[in-house]
Protein backbone atom coordinates (compact mmCIF):
# COMPACT_ATOMS: atom_id res chain seq x y z
CA MET A 1 157.37 -61.67 -4.67
CA ASN A 2 154.30 -63.48 -3.42
CA LYS A 3 155.10 -66.82 -4.99
CA LEU A 4 158.59 -66.64 -3.87
CA ASN A 5 157.45 -65.85 -0.38
CA LYS A 6 155.23 -69.00 0.00
CA GLN A 7 158.30 -71.01 -1.55
CA ILE A 8 160.53 -69.75 1.53
CA LYS A 9 158.15 -70.47 3.87
CA ASN A 10 157.22 -73.88 2.39
CA LEU A 11 160.95 -74.85 2.43
CA ILE A 12 161.33 -73.65 6.04
CA ILE A 13 158.27 -75.86 6.86
CA PHE A 14 159.67 -78.38 5.41
CA LEU A 15 163.05 -77.98 6.84
CA LEU A 16 161.50 -78.03 9.98
CA LEU A 17 159.62 -80.90 9.79
CA VAL A 18 162.95 -82.59 8.65
CA ILE A 19 164.99 -81.82 11.98
CA ASN A 20 162.02 -82.50 13.95
CA THR A 21 161.72 -86.08 12.11
CA ILE A 22 165.81 -86.33 13.27
CA LEU A 23 165.26 -85.59 16.78
CA ILE A 24 162.25 -88.06 17.67
CA SER A 25 163.70 -90.58 15.72
CA SER A 26 167.79 -89.90 17.94
CA ILE A 27 165.29 -90.11 20.88
CA PHE A 28 163.55 -92.96 19.80
CA TYR A 29 166.99 -94.67 18.97
CA LYS A 30 168.53 -93.75 22.49
CA LYS A 31 165.68 -95.42 24.09
CA HIS A 32 164.84 -98.58 22.94
CA ASN A 33 169.28 -99.32 21.64
CA ARG A 34 170.77 -98.68 24.83
CA GLN A 35 174.28 -100.50 25.68
CA PRO A 36 175.19 -102.70 27.97
CA LEU A 37 177.27 -101.72 31.19
CA ILE A 38 181.35 -101.71 30.42
CA VAL A 39 182.39 -103.79 33.28
CA GLN A 40 186.29 -104.40 34.78
CA VAL A 41 185.55 -107.28 37.22
CA LEU A 42 188.66 -106.79 39.72
CA ASN A 43 189.88 -109.73 42.39
CA GLY A 44 190.60 -107.39 45.71
CA CYS A 45 190.28 -110.39 48.13
CA GLY A 46 193.34 -112.53 47.00
CA LYS A 47 191.47 -115.50 46.67
CA GLU A 48 192.68 -117.66 43.22
CA GLY A 49 189.65 -117.27 40.50
CA ALA A 50 187.36 -115.20 42.86
CA ALA A 51 186.69 -111.83 40.44
CA ALA A 52 186.43 -114.92 37.45
CA ASP A 53 184.17 -116.45 39.51
CA ILE A 54 181.79 -113.45 40.04
CA ALA A 55 182.69 -112.14 36.19
CA GLY A 56 181.37 -115.89 35.50
CA HIS A 57 177.86 -114.90 36.69
CA LEU A 58 177.22 -111.05 35.33
CA LYS A 59 174.63 -111.14 33.11
CA ASN A 60 173.59 -108.21 30.72
CA VAL A 61 177.15 -106.45 30.84
CA THR A 62 179.89 -106.51 28.82
CA ILE A 63 182.76 -107.84 31.19
CA ILE A 64 186.01 -106.20 29.47
CA SER A 65 188.83 -107.49 32.11
CA VAL A 66 189.18 -109.57 35.04
CA GLU A 67 191.93 -109.01 36.75
CA ASN A 68 193.87 -108.14 40.33
CA ALA A 69 192.95 -105.00 41.80
CA ASP A 70 195.92 -103.01 43.30
CA GLN A 71 195.62 -104.61 46.65
CA PHE A 72 193.94 -107.95 48.12
CA ASP A 73 192.53 -106.16 51.62
CA TYR A 74 188.96 -105.42 50.75
CA GLU A 75 186.54 -106.70 53.39
CA GLU A 76 183.77 -106.59 51.35
CA SER A 77 183.21 -105.64 47.64
CA VAL A 78 182.95 -102.10 46.13
CA ILE A 79 181.82 -100.86 43.10
CA ILE A 80 183.67 -97.76 41.17
CA VAL A 81 181.36 -95.65 38.25
CA TRP A 82 183.77 -93.97 36.10
CA ARG A 83 181.25 -92.88 33.67
CA LYS A 84 178.14 -91.87 34.32
CA GLY A 85 174.87 -91.45 31.72
CA LYS A 86 173.55 -95.47 31.76
CA ASN A 87 171.73 -94.52 34.76
CA LYS A 88 169.09 -97.35 33.63
CA GLU A 89 171.85 -99.87 33.45
CA LEU A 90 173.65 -98.46 36.39
CA LYS A 91 170.46 -98.81 38.57
CA SER A 92 170.22 -102.43 37.65
CA PHE A 93 173.63 -103.69 38.20
CA TYR A 94 173.44 -102.18 41.52
CA ARG A 95 170.50 -104.35 42.30
CA THR A 96 171.54 -107.55 40.63
CA VAL A 97 175.35 -107.76 42.73
CA GLY A 98 173.45 -106.12 46.16
CA ILE A 99 175.82 -103.43 46.75
CA THR A 100 174.60 -100.48 48.87
CA GLN A 101 175.50 -97.01 48.31
CA ASP A 102 178.01 -96.69 51.03
CA HIS A 103 180.28 -99.21 48.61
CA ILE A 104 180.41 -97.07 45.42
CA SER A 105 182.14 -94.12 44.60
CA PHE A 106 182.14 -92.00 41.64
CA LYS A 107 185.49 -91.42 40.17
CA SER A 108 184.04 -89.40 36.87
CA ASP A 109 186.88 -90.27 33.41
CA ASP A 110 185.31 -90.22 30.70
CA LEU A 111 188.60 -91.59 29.50
CA TYR A 112 188.60 -94.68 31.66
CA PRO A 113 187.85 -98.16 29.37
CA ALA A 114 184.85 -99.61 31.57
CA ASP A 115 181.76 -97.92 32.94
CA VAL A 116 182.43 -99.39 35.89
CA SER A 117 184.58 -101.45 37.76
CA LEU A 118 183.39 -103.91 40.43
CA ILE A 119 186.27 -104.73 42.85
CA VAL A 120 185.10 -108.12 44.54
CA GLY A 121 186.40 -108.05 48.25
CA HIS A 122 186.82 -111.08 50.65
CA ASP A 123 182.46 -111.58 50.82
CA HIS A 124 182.60 -113.03 47.43
CA PRO A 125 180.98 -116.05 48.60
CA THR A 126 177.79 -113.36 49.92
CA LEU A 127 178.37 -111.61 46.04
CA LYS A 128 178.45 -115.08 44.36
CA ASN A 129 175.31 -116.26 46.11
CA ARG A 130 173.49 -113.01 45.14
CA LEU A 131 174.41 -113.55 42.04
CA THR A 132 173.62 -117.37 41.64
CA THR A 133 169.72 -117.13 43.89
CA PRO A 134 166.98 -116.66 41.52
CA THR A 135 165.42 -113.23 42.93
CA GLN A 136 161.36 -112.84 43.32
CA LYS A 137 159.82 -110.94 41.62
């Protein structure tokens, strides 16, 4: 019986080590293998090519579509966040495009194809300038 208890104890220790290794590997993988932000760029100002122009200057994101917004009266560009969870990527995107918190809205929809939608408003020349001007570090 003593030998059986020792084998069971060794098996439990082995299983705990395997589970621990899997958990640590998973955390490391998630931390170092982040997926880029998935972005939809929408023309909300009506100027032909405005959304495509801005999309061409976005870096380190995956653009899934460039199309017209539901209306063309957006004075200022806005961001709609469809999915949270990519906090580091979201913060970087906010900084890159220079859109302030009051122009960011959250509409949770895990089925939406993009993480965020960037609606390009009539301020697109300013937005383009922010995207094309090198930042000071």
